[in-house]
Amino acid sequence: MPWIQIRFQTLLDQVEPLEDLLLELGASAVTLMDGADQPVFEPIRGTTPLWDKTQVIGLFDGETNIEEIFNQIALTYQVNGLALPEGKAEILEDKDWEREWMEHFHPIQCGDRLWITPSWREPPDENAVNLMLDPGLAFGTGTHPTTFMCLKWLDKHDALVKDAKVVDYGCGSGILGIASLLLGATNFVGVDNDPQAIIATKENALRNKIDESTYTVHLPEDFTPFQADIVLANILAGPLISLNEGITGTLKSGGKLVLSGILNHQYQQVIDAYSHCIDFDPIKEQDEWVCLSGTKK
């Protein structure tokens, strides 16, 4: 089925009313995009920051009378005494959008042994440690620098990972914990406040034929801390700082800590929050992101 999208360039204070109006006029979906190449960094918890100039894109059935939609929008703006934002309509090619999305994911080599392979593709190296992944609705495909650097750390330190007990705070798709098990860890415990992450982790573990006795995954309120050999936390700088006591409390003395999801202007704040009990290694950086690792004193 063909689709038509209407794209408006508008200012921050007009985004929400225009989004609501497009939905009222029958849009199947509304997408918000950066309209001026303005970065939005880590938000304050509980907020959803947008750009000063934002593109608001309404998606309509291909048989929609787009001229009438434009007329309705113009009338609404006129009645409310507002200036009509610049807008244009575009016909979208009729595609299998699910297949189009899947084509963007390719196998990723994360170090010497470990490969992350989408579940719908063949592993490029059958003799490697291949993690078959379907990200589903949870974060963690291996493509983002924060996840990739954690995977490289696991691959490089496979001697430490072997026979280890591993905790992953913010486990998302389960990618880090499952990689640990495939690299020889004996036990993985995942913690995430998103119920979709619980589902995704279990499905990905099943996809990789992981023994159910070797892992558990919990919401934070259901997690019972224990002394792990390795603790991974790929979340954001703010939560890493606020959760520092809980995260380090789960790590045994001499155990290894890996923290990621940190922008390069934030890493010193994170180090400061953990340095009372962690001896940090030299930082690892990719693009604008930093991965920290260290040993519990």
C-alpha atoms as a PDB file:
ATOM      1  CA  MET A   1       0.000   0.000   0.000  1.00  0.00           C
ATOM      2  CA  PRO A   2       1.451   3.423  -0.927  1.00  0.00           C
ATOM      3  CA  TRP A   3       1.815   6.091   1.737  1.00  0.00           C
ATOM      4  CA  ILE A   4       1.970   9.874   1.745  1.00  0.00           C
ATOM      5  CA  GLN A   5       3.881  11.828   4.361  1.00  0.00           C
ATOM      6  CA  ILE A   6       3.485  15.514   5.177  1.00  0.00           C
ATOM      7  CA  ARG A   7       6.651  17.122   6.501  1.00  0.00           C
ATOM      8  CA  PHE A   8       6.542  20.418   8.448  1.00  0.00           C
ATOM      9  CA  GLN A   9       9.462  22.516   9.640  1.00  0.00           C
ATOM     10  CA  THR A  10       8.404  24.150  12.876  1.00  0.00           C
ATOM     11  CA  LEU A  11       9.595  25.627  16.166  1.00  0.00           C
ATOM     12  CA  LEU A  12       9.691  23.883  19.522  1.00  0.00           C
ATOM     13  CA  ASP A  13       6.534  25.455  20.995  1.00  0.00           C
ATOM     14  CA  GLN A  14       4.458  24.386  17.966  1.00  0.00           C
ATOM     15  CA  VAL A  15       5.501  20.716  17.935  1.00  0.00           C
ATOM     16  CA  GLU A  16       2.938  19.257  20.317  1.00  0.00           C
ATOM     17  CA  PRO A  17      -0.131  21.106  18.910  1.00  0.00           C
ATOM     18  CA  LEU A  18       0.858  20.149  15.342  1.00  0.00           C
ATOM     19  CA  GLU A  19       1.453  16.531  16.349  1.00  0.00           C
ATOM     20  CA  ASP A  20      -1.998  16.376  17.979  1.00  0.00           C
ATOM     21  CA  LEU A  21      -3.624  18.000  14.943  1.00  0.00           C
ATOM     22  CA  LEU A  22      -2.071  15.525  12.486  1.00  0.00           C
ATOM     23  CA  LEU A  23      -3.312  12.598  14.583  1.00  0.00           C
ATOM     24  CA  GLU A  24      -6.812  14.124  14.758  1.00  0.00           C
ATOM     25  CA  LEU A  25      -6.801  14.420  10.942  1.00  0.00           C
ATOM     26  CA  GLY A  26      -6.086  10.705  10.555  1.00  0.00           C
ATOM     27  CA  ALA A  27      -2.295  10.327  10.498  1.00  0.00           C
ATOM     28  CA  SER A  28      -1.263   6.712  11.051  1.00  0.00           C
ATOM     29  CA  ALA A  29       1.927   7.889  12.761  1.00  0.00           C
ATOM     30  CA  VAL A  30       3.769  11.104  13.587  1.00  0.00           C
ATOM     31  CA  THR A  31       7.572  11.283  13.668  1.00  0.00           C
ATOM     32  CA  LEU A  32       9.705  14.064  15.173  1.00  0.00           C
ATOM     33  CA  MET A  33      13.156  14.748  13.705  1.00  0.00           C
ATOM     34  CA  ASP A  34      15.952  17.258  14.179  1.00  0.00           C
ATOM     35  CA  GLY A  35      15.401  20.171  11.815  1.00  0.00           C
ATOM     36  CA  ALA A  36      18.764  21.922  12.182  1.00  0.00           C
ATOM     37  CA  ASP A  37      21.473  19.386  13.109  1.00  0.00           C
ATOM     38  CA  GLN A  38      21.230  20.277  16.800  1.00  0.00           C
ATOM     39  CA  PRO A  39      22.489  17.538  19.171  1.00  0.00           C
ATOM     40  CA  VAL A  40      20.343  16.566  22.149  1.00  0.00           C
ATOM     41  CA  PHE A  41      22.463  14.981  24.854  1.00  0.00           C
ATOM     42  CA  GLU A  42      21.439  12.962  27.877  1.00  0.00           C
ATOM     43  CA  PRO A  43      18.063  14.209  29.180  1.00  0.00           C
ATOM     44  CA  ILE A  44      17.087  14.945  32.749  1.00  0.00           C
ATOM     45  CA  ARG A  45      15.246  11.894  34.038  1.00  0.00           C
ATOM     46  CA  GLY A  46      11.526  12.104  33.310  1.00  0.00           C
ATOM     47  CA  THR A  47      11.911  14.610  30.464  1.00  0.00           C
ATOM     48  CA  THR A  48      11.840  14.271  26.667  1.00  0.00           C
ATOM     49  CA  PRO A  49      13.941  17.075  25.162  1.00  0.00           C
ATOM     50  CA  LEU A  50      13.324  18.176  21.566  1.00  0.00           C
ATOM     51  CA  TRP A  51      15.141  20.397  19.112  1.00  0.00           C
ATOM     52  CA  ASP A  52      14.577  24.170  18.773  1.00  0.00           C
ATOM     53  CA  LYS A  53      13.769  23.537  15.100  1.00  0.00           C
ATOM     54  CA  THR A  54      11.900  20.278  14.672  1.00  0.00           C
ATOM     55  CA  GLN A  55      10.529  18.446  11.669  1.00  0.00           C
ATOM     56  CA  VAL A  56       7.054  17.051  12.337  1.00  0.00           C
ATOM     57  CA  ILE A  57       6.167  14.294   9.858  1.00  0.00           C
ATOM     58  CA  GLY A  58       2.664  12.875   9.518  1.00  0.00           C
ATOM     59  CA  LEU A  59       2.171   9.554   7.715  1.00  0.00           C
ATOM     60  CA  PHE A  60      -1.123   9.080   5.822  1.00  0.00           C
ATOM     61  CA  ASP A  61      -2.749   6.370   3.733  1.00  0.00           C
ATOM     62  CA  GLY A  62      -1.969   6.859   0.039  1.00  0.00           C
ATOM     63  CA  GLU A  63      -5.647   7.467  -0.762  1.00  0.00           C
ATOM     64  CA  THR A  64      -5.925  10.395   1.676  1.00  0.00           C
ATOM     65  CA  ASN A  65      -6.993  13.735   0.191  1.00  0.00           C
ATOM     66  CA  ILE A  66      -3.812  15.588   1.143  1.00  0.00           C
ATOM     67  CA  GLU A  67      -5.077  18.911  -0.220  1.00  0.00           C
ATOM     68  CA  GLU A  68      -7.972  18.712   2.226  1.00  0.00           C
ATOM     69  CA  ILE A  69      -5.537  17.891   5.068  1.00  0.00           C
ATOM     70  CA  PHE A  70      -3.493  21.002   4.237  1.00  0.00           C
ATOM     71  CA  ASN A  71      -6.702  23.087   4.129  1.00  0.00           C
ATOM     72  CA  GLN A  72      -7.774  21.800   7.549  1.00  0.00           C
ATOM     73  CA  ILE A  73      -4.372  22.572   9.041  1.00  0.00           C
ATOM     74  CA  ALA A  74      -4.345  26.078   7.498  1.00  0.00           C
ATOM     75  CA  LEU A  75      -7.850  26.771   8.837  1.00  0.00           C
ATOM     76  CA  THR A  76      -6.911  25.623  12.359  1.00  0.00           C
ATOM     77  CA  TYR A  77      -3.840  27.846  12.380  1.00  0.00           C
ATOM     78  CA  GLN A  78      -5.851  30.799  11.030  1.00  0.00           C
ATOM     79  CA  VAL A  79      -8.559  30.428  13.701  1.00  0.00           C
ATOM     80  CA  ASN A  80      -5.886  30.352  16.421  1.00  0.00           C
ATOM     81  CA  GLY A  81      -4.002  33.320  14.965  1.00  0.00           C
ATOM     82  CA  LEU A  82      -0.847  31.298  14.283  1.00  0.00           C
ATOM     83  CA  ALA A  83       1.571  31.411  11.359  1.00  0.00           C
ATOM     84  CA  LEU A  84       1.325  28.262   9.254  1.00  0.00           C
ATOM     85  CA  PRO A  85       4.659  26.385   9.235  1.00  0.00           C
ATOM     86  CA  GLU A  86       6.300  25.445   5.950  1.00  0.00           C
ATOM     87  CA  GLY A  87       5.075  22.035   4.803  1.00  0.00           C
ATOM     88  CA  LYS A  88       5.296  19.671   1.863  1.00  0.00           C
ATOM     89  CA  ALA A  89       3.839  16.314   0.865  1.00  0.00           C
ATOM     90  CA  GLU A  90       5.904  13.337  -0.342  1.00  0.00           C
ATOM     91  CA  ILE A  91       4.806   9.999  -1.788  1.00  0.00           C
ATOM     92  CA  LEU A  92       6.634   7.090  -0.174  1.00  0.00           C
ATOM     93  CA  GLU A  93       7.651   4.095  -2.217  1.00  0.00           C
ATOM     94  CA  ASP A  94       5.580   1.025  -1.434  1.00  0.00           C
ATOM     95  CA  LYS A  95       7.980  -1.317   0.391  1.00  0.00           C
ATOM     96  CA  ASP A  96       8.075  -4.218   2.772  1.00  0.00           C
ATOM     97  CA  TRP A  97       9.158  -1.962   5.647  1.00  0.00           C
ATOM     98  CA  GLU A  98       9.964  -4.835   8.025  1.00  0.00           C
ATOM     99  CA  ARG A  99      12.331  -6.351   5.455  1.00  0.00           C
ATOM    100  CA  GLU A 100      13.776  -2.899   4.755  1.00  0.00           C
ATOM    101  CA  TRP A 101      14.575  -2.524   8.473  1.00  0.00           C
ATOM    102  CA  MET A 102      16.135  -5.983   8.654  1.00  0.00           C
ATOM    103  CA  GLU A 103      18.447  -5.254   5.718  1.00  0.00           C
ATOM    104  CA  HIS A 104      20.211  -2.559   7.763  1.00  0.00           C
ATOM    105  CA  PHE A 105      21.559  -5.062  10.300  1.00  0.00           C
ATOM    106  CA  HIS A 106      24.713  -6.992   9.390  1.00  0.00           C
ATOM    107  CA  PRO A 107      26.996  -9.312  11.378  1.00  0.00           C
ATOM    108  CA  ILE A 108      29.444  -7.388  13.581  1.00  0.00           C
ATOM    109  CA  GLN A 109      32.867  -8.637  14.664  1.00  0.00           C
ATOM    110  CA  CYS A 110      33.614  -7.591  18.245  1.00  0.00           C
ATOM    111  CA  GLY A 111      37.241  -8.507  18.815  1.00  0.00           C
ATOM    112  CA  ASP A 112      39.067 -11.710  17.921  1.00  0.00           C
ATOM    113  CA  ARG A 113      36.439 -14.357  18.656  1.00  0.00           C
ATOM    114  CA  LEU A 114      33.033 -12.777  19.129  1.00  0.00           C
ATOM    115  CA  TRP A 115      30.532 -12.025  16.357  1.00  0.00           C
ATOM    116  CA  ILE A 116      27.038 -10.580  16.764  1.00  0.00           C
ATOM    117  CA  THR A 117      24.818 -11.926  13.997  1.00  0.00           C
ATOM    118  CA  PRO A 118      21.171 -10.954  13.350  1.00  0.00           C
ATOM    119  CA  SER A 119      19.010 -14.021  13.754  1.00  0.00           C
ATOM    120  CA  TRP A 120      17.865 -13.854  10.120  1.00  0.00           C
ATOM    121  CA  ARG A 121      21.434 -14.033   8.708  1.00  0.00           C
ATOM    122  CA  GLU A 122      24.042 -16.786   8.476  1.00  0.00           C
ATOM    123  CA  PRO A 123      27.136 -16.365  10.717  1.00  0.00           C
ATOM    124  CA  PRO A 124      30.132 -15.283   8.606  1.00  0.00           C
ATOM    125  CA  ASP A 125      32.489 -17.537  10.622  1.00  0.00           C
ATOM    126  CA  GLU A 126      31.035 -20.801  11.899  1.00  0.00           C
ATOM    127  CA  ASN A 127      34.088 -21.398  14.105  1.00  0.00           C
ATOM    128  CA  ALA A 128      33.759 -18.053  15.922  1.00  0.00           C
ATOM    129  CA  VAL A 129      31.715 -17.369  19.061  1.00  0.00           C
ATOM    130  CA  ASN A 130      28.476 -16.379  17.328  1.00  0.00           C
ATOM    131  CA  LEU A 131      25.718 -14.632  19.235  1.00  0.00           C
ATOM    132  CA  MET A 132      22.472 -14.813  17.247  1.00  0.00           C
ATOM    133  CA  LEU A 133      20.479 -11.716  18.098  1.00  0.00           C
ATOM    134  CA  ASP A 134      16.982 -10.405  17.534  1.00  0.00           C
ATOM    135  CA  PRO A 135      16.872  -6.986  19.250  1.00  0.00           C
ATOM    136  CA  GLY A 136      13.067  -6.871  19.319  1.00  0.00           C
ATOM    137  CA  LEU A 137      11.842  -3.881  21.355  1.00  0.00           C
ATOM    138  CA  ALA A 138      14.833  -3.680  23.721  1.00  0.00           C
ATOM    139  CA  PHE A 139      18.070  -1.707  23.410  1.00  0.00           C
ATOM    140  CA  GLY A 140      21.222  -3.582  22.393  1.00  0.00           C
ATOM    141  CA  THR A 141      22.117  -4.725  18.886  1.00  0.00           C
ATOM    142  CA  GLY A 142      25.890  -4.256  19.036  1.00  0.00           C
ATOM    143  CA  THR A 143      25.815  -1.419  16.506  1.00  0.00           C
ATOM    144  CA  HIS A 144      25.946   1.420  19.045  1.00  0.00           C
ATOM    145  CA  PRO A 145      29.455   2.357  20.264  1.00  0.00           C
ATOM    146  CA  THR A 146      28.432   1.920  23.919  1.00  0.00           C
ATOM    147  CA  THR A 147      27.423  -1.717  23.378  1.00  0.00           C
ATOM    148  CA  PHE A 148      30.231  -2.448  20.925  1.00  0.00           C
ATOM    149  CA  MET A 149      32.935  -1.316  23.374  1.00  0.00           C
ATOM    150  CA  CYS A 150      31.488  -3.555  26.118  1.00  0.00           C
ATOM    151  CA  LEU A 151      31.457  -6.520  23.726  1.00  0.00           C
ATOM    152  CA  LYS A 152      35.077  -5.850  22.757  1.00  0.00           C
ATOM    153  CA  TRP A 153      36.006  -5.736  26.453  1.00  0.00           C
ATOM    154  CA  LEU A 154      34.356  -9.136  27.011  1.00  0.00           C
ATOM    155  CA  ASP A 155      36.127 -10.634  23.992  1.00  0.00           C
ATOM    156  CA  LYS A 156      39.528  -9.230  25.020  1.00  0.00           C
ATOM    157  CA  HIS A 157      39.137 -10.435  28.623  1.00  0.00           C
ATOM    158  CA  ASP A 158      37.703 -13.863  27.866  1.00  0.00           C
ATOM    159  CA  ALA A 159      40.110 -15.408  30.397  1.00  0.00           C
ATOM    160  CA  LEU A 160      38.426 -13.338  33.123  1.00  0.00           C
ATOM    161  CA  VAL A 161      34.974 -14.071  31.721  1.00  0.00           C
ATOM    162  CA  LYS A 162      35.524 -17.850  31.765  1.00  0.00           C
ATOM    163  CA  ASP A 163      33.786 -19.392  34.801  1.00  0.00           C
ATOM    164  CA  ALA A 164      32.700 -15.929  36.006  1.00  0.00           C
ATOM    165  CA  LYS A 165      29.421 -14.866  37.573  1.00  0.00           C
ATOM    166  CA  VAL A 166      28.195 -11.815  35.650  1.00  0.00           C
ATOM    167  CA  VAL A 167      25.607  -9.120  36.418  1.00  0.00           C
ATOM    168  CA  ASP A 168      24.354  -6.727  33.729  1.00  0.00           C
ATOM    169  CA  TYR A 169      22.466  -3.637  34.898  1.00  0.00           C
ATOM    170  CA  GLY A 170      20.198  -2.395  32.107  1.00  0.00           C
ATOM    171  CA  CYS A 171      20.487  -5.654  30.183  1.00  0.00           C
ATOM    172  CA  GLY A 172      18.198  -4.576  27.314  1.00  0.00           C
ATOM    173  CA  SER A 173      18.232  -7.313  24.675  1.00  0.00           C
ATOM    174  CA  GLY A 174      20.488  -9.446  26.891  1.00  0.00           C
ATOM    175  CA  ILE A 175      23.366  -9.062  24.455  1.00  0.00           C
ATOM    176  CA  LEU A 176      26.155  -8.563  27.024  1.00  0.00           C
ATOM    177  CA  GLY A 177      25.086 -11.295  29.400  1.00  0.00           C
ATOM    178  CA  ILE A 178      24.515 -13.823  26.630  1.00  0.00           C
ATOM    179  CA  ALA A 179      27.906 -12.932  25.117  1.00  0.00           C
ATOM    180  CA  SER A 180      29.443 -13.587  28.555  1.00  0.00           C
ATOM    181  CA  LEU A 181      27.877 -17.043  28.717  1.00  0.00           C
ATOM    182  CA  LEU A 182      29.000 -17.905  25.196  1.00  0.00           C
ATOM    183  CA  LEU A 183      32.537 -16.811  26.157  1.00  0.00           C
ATOM    184  CA  GLY A 184      32.529 -19.183  29.133  1.00  0.00           C
ATOM    185  CA  ALA A 185      30.819 -17.444  32.070  1.00  0.00           C
ATOM    186  CA  THR A 186      28.970 -19.831  34.357  1.00  0.00           C
ATOM    187  CA  ASN A 187      26.125 -17.530  35.351  1.00  0.00           C
ATOM    188  CA  PHE A 188      24.479 -14.328  34.112  1.00  0.00           C
ATOM    189  CA  VAL A 189      21.929 -12.192  35.951  1.00  0.00           C
ATOM    190  CA  GLY A 190      20.230  -9.414  33.986  1.00  0.00           C
ATOM    191  CA  VAL A 191      18.461  -6.435  35.570  1.00  0.00           C
ATOM    192  CA  ASP A 192      16.275  -3.963  33.665  1.00  0.00           C
ATOM    193  CA  ASN A 193      13.330  -1.700  34.491  1.00  0.00           C
ATOM    194  CA  ASP A 194      11.756  -2.296  31.045  1.00  0.00           C
ATOM    195  CA  PRO A 195       9.511  -5.407  30.914  1.00  0.00           C
ATOM    196  CA  GLN A 196      10.255  -5.656  27.169  1.00  0.00           C
ATOM    197  CA  ALA A 197      13.914  -6.213  28.073  1.00  0.00           C
ATOM    198  CA  ILE A 198      12.948  -9.209  30.201  1.00  0.00           C
ATOM    199  CA  ILE A 199      11.091 -10.722  27.238  1.00  0.00           C
ATOM    200  CA  ALA A 200      13.832  -9.904  24.708  1.00  0.00           C
ATOM    201  CA  THR A 201      16.600 -11.344  26.893  1.00  0.00           C
ATOM    202  CA  LYS A 202      14.746 -14.627  27.407  1.00  0.00           C
ATOM    203  CA  GLU A 203      13.966 -14.932  23.694  1.00  0.00           C
ATOM    204  CA  ASN A 204      17.571 -14.215  22.701  1.00  0.00           C
ATOM    205  CA  ALA A 205      18.851 -16.708  25.271  1.00  0.00           C
ATOM    206  CA  LEU A 206      16.538 -19.340  23.791  1.00  0.00           C
ATOM    207  CA  ARG A 207      17.705 -18.417  20.286  1.00  0.00           C
ATOM    208  CA  ASN A 208      21.305 -19.086  21.357  1.00  0.00           C
ATOM    209  CA  LYS A 209      20.423 -22.374  23.065  1.00  0.00           C
ATOM    210  CA  ILE A 210      21.452 -21.031  26.469  1.00  0.00           C
ATOM    211  CA  ASP A 211      20.769 -23.432  29.328  1.00  0.00           C
ATOM    212  CA  GLU A 212      17.963 -21.921  31.433  1.00  0.00           C
ATOM    213  CA  SER A 213      19.819 -22.857  34.631  1.00  0.00           C
ATOM    214  CA  THR A 214      22.698 -20.486  33.763  1.00  0.00           C
ATOM    215  CA  TYR A 215      20.812 -17.183  33.696  1.00  0.00           C
ATOM    216  CA  THR A 216      18.007 -15.176  35.287  1.00  0.00           C
ATOM    217  CA  VAL A 217      16.612 -11.752  34.393  1.00  0.00           C
ATOM    218  CA  HIS A 218      14.718  -9.455  36.755  1.00  0.00           C
ATOM    219  CA  LEU A 219      13.049  -6.132  37.258  1.00  0.00           C
ATOM    220  CA  PRO A 220      15.063  -4.069  39.782  1.00  0.00           C
ATOM    221  CA  GLU A 221      12.619  -4.690  42.625  1.00  0.00           C
ATOM    222  CA  ASP A 222      12.953  -8.464  42.131  1.00  0.00           C
ATOM    223  CA  PHE A 223      16.763  -8.539  42.017  1.00  0.00           C
ATOM    224  CA  THR A 224      18.658  -9.942  45.009  1.00  0.00           C
ATOM    225  CA  PRO A 225      22.239  -8.595  44.981  1.00  0.00           C
ATOM    226  CA  PHE A 226      25.150 -11.019  45.305  1.00  0.00           C
ATOM    227  CA  GLN A 227      28.937 -10.856  44.904  1.00  0.00           C
ATOM    228  CA  ALA A 228      29.593 -11.101  41.162  1.00  0.00           C
ATOM    229  CA  ASP A 229      32.958 -11.491  39.439  1.00  0.00           C
ATOM    230  CA  ILE A 230      32.029  -9.026  36.680  1.00  0.00           C
ATOM    231  CA  VAL A 231      29.418  -6.262  36.699  1.00  0.00           C
ATOM    232  CA  LEU A 232      28.403  -4.559  33.447  1.00  0.00           C
ATOM    233  CA  ALA A 233      26.267  -1.420  33.253  1.00  0.00           C
ATOM    234  CA  ASN A 234      25.615   0.079  29.826  1.00  0.00           C
ATOM    235  CA  ILE A 235      23.052   2.750  30.657  1.00  0.00           C
ATOM    236  CA  LEU A 236      23.611   6.543  30.935  1.00  0.00           C
ATOM    237  CA  ALA A 237      25.904   8.723  33.033  1.00  0.00           C
ATOM    238  CA  GLY A 238      23.117  10.054  35.276  1.00  0.00           C
ATOM    239  CA  PRO A 239      21.782   6.633  36.331  1.00  0.00           C
ATOM    240  CA  LEU A 240      25.335   5.272  36.635  1.00  0.00           C
ATOM    241  CA  ILE A 241      26.164   8.019  39.136  1.00  0.00           C
ATOM    242  CA  SER A 242      22.941   7.696  41.133  1.00  0.00           C
ATOM    243  CA  LEU A 243      23.146   3.878  41.234  1.00  0.00           C
ATOM    244  CA  ASN A 244      26.854   3.669  42.054  1.00  0.00           C
ATOM    245  CA  GLU A 245      26.432   2.158  45.524  1.00  0.00           C
ATOM    246  CA  GLY A 246      24.050  -0.531  44.295  1.00  0.00           C
ATOM    247  CA  ILE A 247      26.222  -1.390  41.300  1.00  0.00           C
ATOM    248  CA  THR A 248      29.484  -1.632  43.241  1.00  0.00           C
ATOM    249  CA  GLY A 249      27.741  -3.411  46.119  1.00  0.00           C
ATOM    250  CA  THR A 250      27.055  -6.310  43.751  1.00  0.00           C
ATOM    251  CA  LEU A 251      30.752  -6.643  42.806  1.00  0.00           C
ATOM    252  CA  LYS A 252      33.203  -8.688  44.876  1.00  0.00           C
ATOM    253  CA  SER A 253      36.594  -7.330  45.910  1.00  0.00           C
ATOM    254  CA  GLY A 254      38.993  -7.794  42.995  1.00  0.00           C
ATOM    255  CA  GLY A 255      36.064  -8.073  40.595  1.00  0.00           C
ATOM    256  CA  LYS A 256      35.881  -6.189  37.289  1.00  0.00           C
ATOM    257  CA  LEU A 257      33.475  -3.329  36.586  1.00  0.00           C
ATOM    258  CA  VAL A 258      32.562  -2.134  33.073  1.00  0.00           C
ATOM    259  CA  LEU A 259      30.547   1.083  32.673  1.00  0.00           C
ATOM    260  CA  SER A 260      29.288   2.450  29.357  1.00  0.00           C
ATOM    261  CA  GLY A 261      26.690   4.819  27.910  1.00  0.00           C
ATOM    262  CA  ILE A 262      28.870   7.788  28.889  1.00  0.00           C
ATOM    263  CA  LEU A 263      29.491  10.821  26.682  1.00  0.00           C
ATOM    264  CA  ASN A 264      33.099  11.990  26.560  1.00  0.00           C
ATOM    265  CA  HIS A 265      32.366  15.158  28.553  1.00  0.00           C
ATOM    266  CA  GLN A 266      30.760  13.105  31.352  1.00  0.00           C
ATOM    267  CA  TYR A 267      33.297  10.397  32.136  1.00  0.00           C
ATOM    268  CA  GLN A 268      35.158  12.301  34.866  1.00  0.00           C
ATOM    269  CA  GLN A 269      31.907  12.731  36.825  1.00  0.00           C
ATOM    270  CA  VAL A 270      31.340   8.981  36.627  1.00  0.00           C
ATOM    271  CA  ILE A 271      34.928   8.235  37.688  1.00  0.00           C
ATOM    272  CA  ASP A 272      34.525  10.596  40.644  1.00  0.00           C
ATOM    273  CA  ALA A 273      31.391   8.731  41.770  1.00  0.00           C
ATOM    274  CA  TYR A 274      33.173   5.355  41.738  1.00  0.00           C
ATOM    275  CA  SER A 275      36.826   6.121  42.514  1.00  0.00           C
ATOM    276  CA  HIS A 276      36.394   5.534  46.266  1.00  0.00           C
ATOM    277  CA  CYS A 277      36.170   1.810  45.568  1.00  0.00           C
ATOM    278  CA  ILE A 278      37.280   1.283  41.943  1.00  0.00           C
ATOM    279  CA  ASP A 279      40.763   1.491  40.438  1.00  0.00           C
ATOM    280  CA  PHE A 280      40.081   2.523  36.842  1.00  0.00           C
ATOM    281  CA  ASP A 281      41.915   1.388  33.720  1.00  0.00           C
ATOM    282  CA  PRO A 282      42.729   3.833  30.885  1.00  0.00           C
ATOM    283  CA  ILE A 283      39.499   4.940  29.223  1.00  0.00           C
ATOM    284  CA  LYS A 284      38.295   3.538  25.904  1.00  0.00           C
ATOM    285  CA  GLU A 285      36.599   5.953  23.517  1.00  0.00           C
ATOM    286  CA  GLN A 286      34.670   5.574  20.270  1.00  0.00           C
ATOM    287  CA  ASP A 287      33.084   8.514  18.494  1.00  0.00           C
ATOM    288  CA  GLU A 288      31.743  10.695  21.338  1.00  0.00           C
ATOM    289  CA  TRP A 289      31.250   7.786  23.760  1.00  0.00           C
ATOM    290  CA  VAL A 290      33.454   6.440  26.559  1.00  0.00           C
ATOM    291  CA  CYS A 291      33.668   2.993  28.154  1.00  0.00           C
ATOM    292  CA  LEU A 292      35.207   2.738  31.627  1.00  0.00           C
ATOM    293  CA  SER A 293      36.564  -0.417  33.224  1.00  0.00           C
ATOM    294  CA  GLY A 294      38.260  -1.032  36.545  1.00  0.00           C
ATOM    295  CA  THR A 295      38.849  -3.303  39.506  1.00  0.00           C
ATOM    296  CA  LYS A 296      37.124  -3.157  42.879  1.00  0.00           C
ATOM    297  CA  LYS A 297      39.562  -2.327  45.661  1.00  0.00           C
END
